[in-house]
Amino acid sequence: MLAIVSAIIFGLGFLLDLLNTRIAGGITGTTFMLLGLCLLALHQAGVGTASIRKSYGSWRGRSRR
C-alpha cells in the first residue's frame, strides 16, 4: 500500500517539477519526491504490511506438486 502511495506522490512531484510550480507554503516537486522516498523506505522496511498470517494459507507453506 505504501508503494502505491509513494508512486502517486512521485508522480505529483514529477508534474510539479516539470511545470516549475510551487504550492502555497513552499511545497515544490522536490518536497514531494523526498516524501515519496520516505514512503518507499517505510515500505521496504515492512511498515504497513499485514503481520498476522496463517502458515497454511501462505504461498510459502504450500508444497509444490
Foldseek 3Di string as FASTA:
>chain_A
DLLVVLVVLLVVLVVQVVVVDADPPRDGSVNSNVVSVVSVVCVVVPPPDDDDDDLVPDPVNDDDD
